[in-house]
Amino acid sequence: ISAFSGGVAYTNQKGIFGGKNQSQYQRYNVRLNSDHAILKVKDFDAIKIGENITFSHTTNQGIDTGSMYWNNMHDLLVGNPLIPAYDANGNYMTNAEQLAAGYNLGTYPSNPLANADTRGLGLHASKGWNLNMSAYLQIQPIKDLVFKSQFAYRYWSSSYRAMTRIHANGTDVATQDGASQSLNIGSQISWENTLSYTKTLGVHNFNVVIGNTIQKNTYGETLNGEGKNNLFEDDWDRAWVGNTQPTKLVDVYNVENWVKSQYQGDWSLASPSKTLGPFTFTLDDYKFDYKSSNLQVYLEGSIKLVSSIDISAGVGLTIKARVSNLGTDISKISVKYNTTQFEKAKIDASFAGMTLKGELTVKKGDSTKGDGYQGSIEFRMPGDLFTVNSNGGYYEYKSGNTSYTWGFFNIRLGSATGLRLDPVVINSIKGGFYFNCKKKGDNDATPEKGIIGVIAGMGLSTTAGKVSSSS
């Protein structure tokens, strides 16, 4: 069962202050997400996967509303109401014109309207782009016990430019006009793992959650520049650093050599891998099968993020097609696409000594087991301080007029240090169940209707060594 949703939104807000630099804010949002129930058991989803993608673009132009000293609204509130904002010619009143008109008030009062039109407080514009992507795997071995692993990637960039006109407004005086610009680009990855259990007792709901989140800024760059003497003087549309003389770069900040990781990649025809920035795309396996005009192509690939967090995810697909007119005349050969079958999904991640590995396989047309799903997941902390191993399968078996579902699930919690309860140490706890099948091992079984079982065990040891293992 799959669910898909998406949305598009647009926002446009215009301000009422700023004169020729009237503020305006625009934002575009696009959202796509889906959830897929890979395995459903009775009234709950045992295995789910999903993703969420959002993109936004914003533009913002006009007045500043920052701190008290860089805020056009604050300038309006504290402006002197006795001094005219404009002279007889309709221009902003300068300091010299204030003195000539008899407004000798000591320190030159600031003109709040001029502040918004003659310097960067009002003459500025910014743009921003944000991309957020996440994918999750959720496993619910028993009802209300949920393990969820989610990997997220965020990319952002922004640009800003501002202009200063020649002015003498209060204590703020500029004898040269100019322009300034900045650019910021960055990205971030995060990996979150949680294990939660919900239980209702009477009118009380209990929810226990344990987990951890790992977050890292990967690559990025910040660039600031400014210049004096605008070539086009008061023209705001042409107020760019490149249109000033001379141009001065103020400062540059690099994070992990963004230019290299963003634009350079390595491609080898002898190797089915492509490296682009911090990502490596690999074709792990491929197979071709042709029988009775039916062509099957199996492809298995993965994508790996190479950084202090190593994480890779992969899928396996079988593409089926029918070939006709296969003879000596190549021009008459026809290949008609039939279907694409999902075969496998896997994940492999490590960070700071912790590892997570998981695999889900789709079984189709197995005469012994039937059609279904089988998977495993393993989590280890550094030094095996805490380990979790689980596997299971769920199938639908048909033979003649007989049809039934069968499956199994195992989980093992372990620790290298163990839980000390003198004179013994508990090193591991094991549990599981199976139905309508005969167990052959931890990760193998064959269908047999009517057999139901529960697995429970514990590993014990002493300082002298292993004492017993019961199940």
Protein backbone atom coordinates (compact mmCIF):
# COMPACT_ATOMS: atom_id res chain seq x y z
CA ILE A 1 0.00 0.00 0.00
CA SER A 2 1.42 3.36 -1.04
CA ALA A 3 0.32 6.92 -0.38
CA PHE A 4 1.52 9.95 -2.32
CA SER A 5 0.97 13.65 -1.65
CA GLY A 6 2.28 16.94 -2.96
CA GLY A 7 1.62 20.65 -2.86
CA VAL A 8 2.55 23.98 -4.37
CA ALA A 9 2.22 27.32 -2.54
CA TYR A 10 2.88 30.94 -3.44
CA THR A 11 3.03 33.93 -1.06
CA ASN A 12 3.32 37.62 -2.03
CA GLN A 13 3.32 40.40 0.55
CA LYS A 14 3.80 44.10 -0.18
CA GLY A 15 4.59 46.62 2.51
CA ILE A 16 3.12 50.12 2.99
CA PHE A 17 6.39 51.87 3.87
CA GLY A 18 9.60 52.58 2.01
CA GLY A 19 8.60 54.98 -0.77
CA LYS A 20 10.46 54.02 -3.92
CA ASN A 21 11.95 51.14 -1.92
CA GLN A 22 8.63 49.70 -0.82
CA SER A 23 9.22 46.35 0.85
CA GLN A 24 8.08 43.17 -0.87
CA TYR A 25 8.32 39.51 0.09
CA GLN A 26 7.71 36.54 -2.23
CA ARG A 27 7.97 32.82 -1.57
CA TYR A 28 7.44 29.71 -3.69
CA ASN A 29 7.09 26.28 -2.03
CA VAL A 30 6.96 22.81 -3.60
CA ARG A 31 6.45 19.63 -1.54
CA LEU A 32 6.42 15.95 -2.49
CA ASN A 33 6.26 12.95 -0.16
CA SER A 34 5.22 9.32 -0.20
CA ASP A 35 4.83 6.41 2.23
CA HIS A 36 4.93 2.74 1.29
CA ALA A 37 3.77 -0.17 3.48
CA ILE A 38 6.10 -2.96 2.35
CA LEU A 39 4.75 -5.51 4.83
CA LYS A 40 1.40 -5.35 6.63
CA VAL A 41 0.61 -7.73 9.48
CA LYS A 42 -2.99 -7.80 10.66
CA ASP A 43 -3.85 -4.23 11.69
CA PHE A 44 -0.40 -2.60 11.61
CA ASP A 45 2.43 -1.94 9.16
CA ALA A 46 5.42 -4.13 9.99
CA ILE A 47 7.77 -2.48 7.45
CA LYS A 48 7.35 0.99 5.97
CA ILE A 49 9.56 3.23 3.88
CA GLY A 50 9.01 6.80 2.76
CA GLU A 51 10.53 10.05 1.60
CA ASN A 52 9.87 13.76 1.80
CA ILE A 53 11.18 16.48 -0.52
CA THR A 54 10.57 20.22 -0.12
CA PHE A 55 11.94 23.13 -2.13
CA SER A 56 11.45 26.84 -1.45
CA HIS A 57 12.58 30.04 -3.16
CA THR A 58 12.23 33.45 -1.50
CA THR A 59 12.87 37.03 -2.56
CA ASN A 60 12.90 39.90 -0.09
CA GLN A 61 13.41 43.59 -0.88
CA GLY A 62 12.99 46.79 1.08
CA ILE A 63 13.33 48.11 4.59
CA ASP A 64 15.32 46.65 7.46
CA THR A 65 13.67 45.49 10.66
CA GLY A 66 16.71 44.20 12.50
CA SER A 67 18.25 45.50 15.71
CA MET A 68 17.43 48.86 17.26
CA TYR A 69 20.23 50.66 15.40
CA TRP A 70 19.56 49.02 12.03
CA ASN A 71 15.80 49.31 11.84
CA ASN A 72 13.84 51.68 9.58
CA MET A 73 10.71 51.37 11.71
CA HIS A 74 12.68 52.40 14.79
CA ASP A 75 13.97 55.46 12.91
CA LEU A 76 10.37 56.52 12.20
CA LEU A 77 9.34 56.17 15.84
CA VAL A 78 12.22 58.26 17.21
CA GLY A 79 12.42 60.81 14.36
CA ASN A 80 12.06 64.50 15.25
CA PRO A 81 8.58 65.61 14.03
CA LEU A 82 9.58 69.31 14.01
CA ILE A 83 12.05 68.96 11.12
CA PRO A 84 10.70 68.67 7.56
CA ALA A 85 11.67 65.53 5.66
CA TYR A 86 11.93 67.37 2.31
CA ASP A 87 13.28 70.73 1.18
CA ALA A 88 11.47 73.21 -1.10
CA ASN A 89 12.54 71.26 -4.19
CA GLY A 90 11.14 67.97 -2.90
CA ASN A 91 14.52 66.49 -2.10
CA TYR A 92 15.56 65.06 1.26
CA MET A 93 16.72 67.90 3.56
CA THR A 94 20.47 67.76 4.11
CA ASN A 95 22.44 68.78 7.20
CA ALA A 96 23.42 72.12 5.64
CA GLU A 97 19.78 72.88 4.76
CA GLN A 98 18.73 72.13 8.34
CA LEU A 99 21.21 74.72 9.66
CA ALA A 100 20.19 77.28 7.01
CA ALA A 101 16.54 76.81 7.96
CA GLY A 102 17.32 77.43 11.65
CA TYR A 103 17.12 73.86 12.91
CA ASN A 104 20.27 74.12 15.02
CA LEU A 105 19.61 71.26 17.40
CA GLY A 106 23.20 70.26 18.13
CA THR A 107 23.80 66.78 16.73
CA TYR A 108 22.17 66.61 13.32
CA PRO A 109 18.81 64.81 13.59
CA SER A 110 18.38 61.82 11.32
CA ASN A 111 15.77 61.81 8.54
CA PRO A 112 14.03 58.39 8.75
CA LEU A 113 12.74 58.57 5.16
CA ALA A 114 16.20 59.35 3.82
CA ASN A 115 17.62 56.43 5.80
CA ALA A 116 15.41 54.06 3.84
CA ASP A 117 16.32 55.52 0.45
CA THR A 118 19.99 56.49 0.57
CA ARG A 119 21.80 53.56 2.16
CA GLY A 120 21.67 49.81 2.54
CA LEU A 121 18.99 49.88 5.24
CA GLY A 122 16.39 50.32 2.52
CA LEU A 123 18.31 49.79 -0.68
CA HIS A 124 18.84 46.06 -0.45
CA ALA A 125 17.45 42.82 -1.87
CA SER A 126 18.00 39.17 -1.03
CA LYS A 127 17.14 35.81 -2.55
CA GLY A 128 17.20 32.36 -1.01
CA TRP A 129 16.93 28.75 -2.16
CA ASN A 130 16.37 25.77 0.17
CA LEU A 131 16.16 22.06 -0.63
CA ASN A 132 15.34 19.49 2.05
CA MET A 133 15.25 15.75 1.36
CA SER A 134 14.74 12.85 3.76
CA ALA A 135 14.08 9.12 3.57
CA TYR A 136 13.11 6.73 6.34
CA LEU A 137 12.82 3.05 7.13
CA GLN A 138 10.34 2.00 9.83
CA ILE A 139 10.18 -1.51 11.29
CA GLN A 140 7.44 -2.62 13.70
CA PRO A 141 8.19 -6.22 14.73
CA ILE A 142 5.27 -6.27 17.16
CA LYS A 143 2.42 -3.82 17.49
CA ASP A 144 3.41 -0.45 19.01
CA LEU A 145 7.17 -1.29 19.13
CA VAL A 146 8.62 0.90 16.38
CA PHE A 147 12.20 1.28 15.17
CA LYS A 148 12.71 4.20 12.77
CA SER A 149 15.86 5.26 10.94
CA GLN A 150 15.83 8.50 8.94
CA PHE A 151 18.54 10.11 6.83
CA ALA A 152 18.15 13.76 5.77
CA TYR A 153 20.06 16.08 3.47
CA ARG A 154 19.67 19.86 3.34
CA TYR A 155 21.09 22.30 0.79
CA TRP A 156 20.73 26.06 0.91
CA SER A 157 22.04 29.11 -0.92
CA SER A 158 21.35 32.82 -0.72
CA SER A 159 22.43 36.08 -2.35
CA TYR A 160 22.29 39.65 -1.08
CA ARG A 161 23.11 43.07 -2.53
CA ALA A 162 22.82 46.60 -1.17
CA MET A 163 23.48 50.13 -2.41
CA THR A 164 24.60 53.38 -0.76
CA ARG A 165 23.85 56.79 -2.29
CA ILE A 166 25.79 60.02 -1.58
CA HIS A 167 24.04 61.64 1.38
CA ALA A 168 24.43 63.70 4.55
CA ASN A 169 21.69 62.57 6.86
CA GLY A 170 22.20 63.33 10.52
CA THR A 171 25.44 61.79 11.70
CA ASP A 172 25.38 59.36 8.76
CA VAL A 173 27.40 60.91 5.91
CA ALA A 174 28.56 59.25 2.67
CA THR A 175 30.74 61.21 0.25
CA GLN A 176 30.93 58.28 -2.16
CA ASP A 177 28.23 55.98 -3.42
CA GLY A 178 28.82 52.25 -3.61
CA ALA A 179 27.45 48.74 -3.76
CA SER A 180 27.99 45.51 -1.81
CA GLN A 181 27.12 41.87 -2.44
CA SER A 182 27.33 38.54 -0.64
CA LEU A 183 26.79 34.90 -1.51
CA ASN A 184 26.28 31.96 0.84
CA ILE A 185 26.06 28.27 -0.05
CA GLY A 186 25.99 25.32 2.35
CA SER A 187 24.68 21.86 3.08
CA GLN A 188 24.00 19.61 6.03
CA ILE A 189 23.33 15.93 6.62
CA SER A 190 21.69 14.23 9.58
CA TRP A 191 20.92 10.67 10.64
CA GLU A 192 18.32 9.91 13.31
CA ASN A 193 17.49 6.54 14.89
CA THR A 194 14.70 6.01 17.42
CA LEU A 195 13.08 3.05 19.15
CA SER A 196 9.68 3.73 20.69
CA TYR A 197 7.01 1.73 22.46
CA THR A 198 3.45 2.81 23.20
CA LYS A 199 1.20 1.11 25.74
CA THR A 200 -2.29 1.95 26.96
CA LEU A 201 -3.32 0.87 30.45
CA GLY A 202 -6.88 1.85 31.20
CA VAL A 203 -7.14 5.60 30.64
CA HIS A 204 -3.37 6.11 30.74
CA ASN A 205 -1.09 6.20 27.69
CA PHE A 206 2.61 5.44 28.12
CA ASN A 207 5.20 6.20 25.46
CA VAL A 208 8.91 5.40 25.82
CA VAL A 209 11.41 6.67 23.23
CA ILE A 210 15.17 6.20 23.02
CA GLY A 211 17.35 7.34 20.16
CA ASN A 212 20.12 9.54 18.86
CA THR A 213 20.65 12.15 16.15
CA ILE A 214 23.89 12.81 14.27
CA GLN A 215 24.22 16.09 12.39
CA LYS A 216 27.09 17.55 10.36
CA ASN A 217 27.64 20.56 8.10
CA THR A 218 29.32 19.21 4.96
CA TYR A 219 30.47 21.74 2.35
CA GLY A 220 29.78 25.41 1.73
CA GLU A 221 31.15 28.84 0.95
CA THR A 222 30.50 32.45 1.98
CA LEU A 223 31.71 35.35 -0.17
CA ASN A 224 31.38 39.07 0.59
CA GLY A 225 32.42 41.97 -1.65
CA GLU A 226 32.00 45.74 -1.88
CA GLY A 227 32.95 48.59 -4.17
CA LYS A 228 32.83 52.41 -4.28
CA ASN A 229 31.96 54.90 -7.07
CA ASN A 230 28.93 53.43 -8.84
CA LEU A 231 29.38 53.63 -12.61
CA PHE A 232 25.62 54.18 -12.97
CA GLU A 233 25.30 56.46 -9.92
CA ASP A 234 21.74 56.26 -8.50
CA ASP A 235 20.51 53.41 -10.70
CA TRP A 236 19.44 50.69 -8.25
CA ASP A 237 18.92 48.07 -10.96
CA ARG A 238 22.61 48.37 -11.93
CA ALA A 239 24.00 48.64 -8.41
CA TRP A 240 26.33 45.64 -8.53
CA VAL A 241 29.90 45.27 -7.29
CA GLY A 242 31.01 44.66 -10.87
CA ASN A 243 29.66 48.11 -11.77
CA THR A 244 31.90 49.99 -9.32
CA GLN A 245 35.45 51.27 -9.68
CA PRO A 246 37.56 49.91 -8.13
CA THR A 247 36.17 46.63 -6.78
CA LYS A 248 37.35 45.24 -3.47
CA LEU A 249 36.82 41.71 -2.15
CA VAL A 250 36.38 41.85 1.60
CA ASP A 251 36.50 38.24 2.78
CA VAL A 252 36.00 34.68 1.64
CA TYR A 253 35.21 31.64 3.83
CA ASN A 254 35.56 28.09 2.52
CA VAL A 255 34.23 24.90 4.06
CA GLU A 256 35.86 21.69 2.78
CA ASN A 257 36.71 23.20 -0.62
CA TRP A 258 33.17 23.68 -1.92
CA VAL A 259 34.22 24.38 -5.51
CA LYS A 260 35.96 21.04 -5.81
CA SER A 261 33.24 18.97 -4.17
CA GLN A 262 30.47 20.69 -6.11
CA TYR A 263 31.78 20.72 -9.66
CA GLN A 264 34.50 18.12 -10.04
CA GLY A 265 33.69 14.44 -10.61
CA ASP A 266 35.55 11.35 -11.76
CA TRP A 267 34.21 8.94 -14.35
CA SER A 268 35.94 5.80 -15.57
CA LEU A 269 34.64 3.69 -18.42
CA ALA A 270 36.36 0.70 -16.86
CA SER A 271 34.52 1.13 -13.56
CA PRO A 272 30.72 1.37 -13.14
CA SER A 273 31.06 4.23 -10.65
CA LYS A 274 30.46 7.96 -10.85
CA THR A 275 31.72 10.43 -8.24
CA LEU A 276 30.00 13.79 -8.01
CA GLY A 277 30.89 15.98 -5.05
CA PRO A 278 30.52 13.94 -1.85
CA PHE A 279 28.38 11.27 -3.58
CA THR A 280 29.47 8.08 -5.35
CA PHE A 281 27.01 6.26 -7.62
CA THR A 282 27.85 2.60 -8.30
CA LEU A 283 26.40 -0.18 -10.45
CA ASP A 284 26.97 -3.13 -8.09
CA ASP A 285 25.57 -5.99 -10.17
CA TYR A 286 23.80 -6.75 -13.43
CA LYS A 287 22.43 -9.88 -15.08
CA PHE A 288 20.78 -10.71 -18.40
CA ASP A 289 18.38 -13.58 -19.04
CA TYR A 290 16.66 -14.44 -22.30
CA LYS A 291 14.20 -17.33 -22.69
CA SER A 292 11.38 -17.86 -25.18
CA SER A 293 11.33 -14.23 -26.40
CA ASN A 294 11.29 -12.94 -22.79
CA LEU A 295 14.16 -10.65 -21.82
CA GLN A 296 15.00 -9.93 -18.18
CA VAL A 297 17.63 -7.41 -17.08
CA TYR A 298 18.58 -7.25 -13.39
CA LEU A 299 20.30 -4.08 -12.17
CA GLU A 300 21.57 -3.43 -8.66
CA GLY A 301 22.98 -0.02 -7.76
CA SER A 302 23.85 2.11 -4.77
CA ILE A 303 24.61 5.69 -3.81
CA LYS A 304 27.20 6.47 -1.13
CA LEU A 305 27.89 9.67 0.76
CA VAL A 306 31.62 9.97 1.46
CA SER A 307 32.30 12.12 4.52
CA SER A 308 32.84 11.61 8.25
CA ILE A 309 29.48 9.83 8.07
CA ASP A 310 29.70 6.95 5.58
CA ILE A 311 26.23 5.98 4.42
CA SER A 312 25.08 4.12 1.35
CA ALA A 313 21.70 2.95 0.11
CA GLY A 314 20.91 0.70 -2.82
CA VAL A 315 18.12 -1.05 -4.71
CA GLY A 316 17.82 -4.00 -7.07
CA LEU A 317 15.35 -4.04 -9.96
CA THR A 318 14.41 -6.50 -12.67
CA ILE A 319 13.20 -4.98 -15.94
CA LYS A 320 11.13 -7.34 -18.08
CA ALA A 321 10.46 -7.01 -21.80
CA ARG A 322 9.35 -9.15 -24.73
CA VAL A 323 11.51 -9.43 -27.84
CA SER A 324 10.02 -10.23 -31.24
CA ASN A 325 11.32 -10.54 -34.81
CA LEU A 326 14.67 -11.68 -33.57
CA GLY A 327 16.41 -12.78 -36.75
CA THR A 328 19.15 -11.86 -39.13
CA ASP A 329 17.59 -8.46 -39.95
CA ILE A 330 18.43 -6.28 -36.97
CA SER A 331 16.20 -3.43 -38.20
CA LYS A 332 13.09 -5.57 -37.63
CA ILE A 333 13.83 -6.47 -34.01
CA SER A 334 11.15 -5.16 -31.63
CA VAL A 335 11.51 -4.85 -27.87
CA LYS A 336 8.33 -4.13 -25.89
CA TYR A 337 8.57 -3.12 -22.24
CA ASN A 338 6.50 -5.27 -19.91
CA THR A 339 7.10 -4.41 -16.24
CA THR A 340 9.68 -3.48 -13.60
CA GLN A 341 9.91 -5.65 -10.49
CA PHE A 342 11.40 -4.44 -7.21
CA GLU A 343 13.88 -7.05 -5.93
CA LYS A 344 16.01 -5.65 -3.12
CA ALA A 345 16.71 -2.64 -0.89
CA LYS A 346 19.73 -2.18 1.35
CA ILE A 347 21.36 0.37 3.64
CA ASP A 348 24.85 0.51 5.14
CA ALA A 349 26.00 3.35 7.40
CA SER A 350 28.76 4.05 9.91
CA PHE A 351 29.70 6.99 12.12
CA ALA A 352 32.00 7.32 15.12
CA GLY A 353 32.29 3.55 15.44
CA MET A 354 28.54 2.91 15.16
CA THR A 355 27.24 0.85 12.24
CA LEU A 356 23.82 0.14 10.78
CA LYS A 357 23.18 -2.47 8.09
CA GLY A 358 19.87 -3.55 6.65
CA GLU A 359 18.52 -5.47 3.67
CA LEU A 360 15.04 -6.25 2.35
CA THR A 361 14.52 -8.85 -0.40
CA VAL A 362 11.36 -9.52 -2.40
CA LYS A 363 10.69 -13.17 -3.20
CA LYS A 364 8.60 -13.98 -6.27
CA GLY A 365 7.80 -17.33 -7.84
CA ASP A 366 9.61 -19.46 -5.24
CA SER A 367 7.98 -22.90 -5.54
CA THR A 368 9.20 -23.89 -2.07
CA LYS A 369 8.34 -20.76 -0.07
CA GLY A 370 5.87 -18.79 -2.19
CA ASP A 371 5.78 -15.02 -2.68
CA GLY A 372 6.79 -12.63 0.06
CA TYR A 373 9.44 -10.54 1.76
CA GLN A 374 12.52 -11.33 3.82
CA GLY A 375 14.89 -8.93 5.54
CA SER A 376 17.43 -8.28 8.24
CA ILE A 377 18.82 -5.33 10.17
CA GLU A 378 21.89 -4.97 12.39
CA PHE A 379 22.97 -2.09 14.65
CA ARG A 380 26.26 -1.96 16.57
CA MET A 381 27.74 0.59 18.94
CA PRO A 382 31.54 1.04 19.31
CA GLY A 383 33.22 -1.98 20.86
CA ASP A 384 29.91 -3.87 20.63
CA LEU A 385 28.82 -2.05 23.76
CA PHE A 386 25.27 -2.61 22.51
CA THR A 387 24.12 -4.62 19.49
CA VAL A 388 20.76 -5.33 17.89
CA ASN A 389 20.27 -8.07 15.30
CA SER A 390 16.90 -8.89 13.80
CA ASN A 391 15.58 -10.78 10.79
CA GLY A 392 12.29 -12.05 9.54
CA GLY A 393 10.12 -13.03 6.63
CA TYR A 394 6.49 -12.97 5.56
CA TYR A 395 5.16 -15.09 2.71
CA GLU A 396 2.00 -16.24 0.96
CA TYR A 397 2.18 -19.91 0.01
CA LYS A 398 -0.04 -21.55 -2.61
CA SER A 399 -0.08 -25.17 -3.67
CA GLY A 400 -3.08 -26.53 -5.51
CA ASN A 401 -6.16 -25.62 -3.52
CA THR A 402 -4.07 -24.84 -0.43
CA SER A 403 -3.30 -21.19 0.35
CA TYR A 404 -2.05 -19.63 3.58
CA THR A 405 0.40 -17.06 4.94
CA TRP A 406 3.44 -17.89 7.02
CA GLY A 407 6.36 -16.04 8.54
CA PHE A 408 8.88 -15.60 11.31
CA PHE A 409 10.70 -12.88 13.25
CA ASN A 410 13.85 -12.98 15.42
CA ILE A 411 15.58 -10.31 17.49
CA ARG A 412 18.73 -10.47 19.58
CA LEU A 413 20.01 -7.79 21.96
CA GLY A 414 23.61 -8.16 23.03
CA SER A 415 26.47 -6.41 24.79
CA ALA A 416 30.19 -7.11 25.03
CA THR A 417 30.20 -5.93 28.64
CA GLY A 418 26.86 -7.51 29.54
CA LEU A 419 24.60 -6.96 32.51
CA ARG A 420 26.36 -8.10 35.67
CA LEU A 421 24.18 -9.97 38.17
CA ASP A 422 26.71 -11.78 40.36
CA PRO A 423 27.69 -14.50 40.01
CA VAL A 424 26.58 -14.40 36.34
CA VAL A 425 26.61 -11.88 33.51
CA ILE A 426 23.79 -11.62 30.97
CA ASN A 427 25.45 -11.13 27.57
CA SER A 428 22.44 -11.40 25.29
CA ILE A 429 18.67 -11.72 25.18
CA LYS A 430 16.93 -13.41 22.29
CA GLY A 431 13.28 -13.57 21.28
CA GLY A 432 11.01 -14.23 18.35
CA PHE A 433 8.06 -16.10 16.92
CA TYR A 434 7.01 -18.09 13.88
CA PHE A 435 3.71 -19.31 12.44
CA ASN A 436 2.67 -21.82 9.80
CA CYS A 437 6.27 -22.82 9.19
CA LYS A 438 9.06 -25.12 10.33
CA LYS A 439 12.22 -23.36 11.47
CA LYS A 440 15.57 -24.47 9.98
CA GLY A 441 17.71 -21.74 11.48
CA ASP A 442 17.63 -18.14 12.60
CA ASN A 443 17.04 -16.86 9.07
CA ASP A 444 15.48 -19.81 7.28
CA ALA A 445 12.19 -21.71 7.41
CA THR A 446 9.84 -23.69 5.19
CA PRO A 447 6.04 -23.42 5.13
CA GLU A 448 4.03 -25.98 7.09
CA LYS A 449 0.52 -25.08 8.15
CA GLY A 450 -0.50 -25.42 11.79
CA ILE A 451 2.90 -24.94 13.45
CA ILE A 452 3.16 -21.95 15.80
CA GLY A 453 6.10 -21.23 18.07
CA VAL A 454 7.73 -18.66 20.35
CA ILE A 455 11.48 -18.24 20.76
CA ALA A 456 13.10 -16.99 23.96
CA GLY A 457 16.65 -17.28 25.15
CA MET A 458 19.45 -15.76 27.18
CA GLY A 459 23.23 -15.90 27.01
CA LEU A 460 24.99 -16.16 30.39
CA SER A 461 28.63 -16.11 31.42
CA THR A 462 30.88 -15.74 34.45
CA THR A 463 34.41 -14.46 34.86
CA ALA A 464 35.47 -18.03 34.20
CA GLY A 465 33.69 -18.15 30.83
CA LYS A 466 30.39 -19.18 29.36
CA VAL A 467 28.05 -21.07 31.69
CA SER A 468 24.92 -21.74 29.62
CA SER A 469 22.69 -20.58 26.84
CA SER A 470 19.02 -21.41 27.17
CA SER A 471 16.22 -20.98 24.63
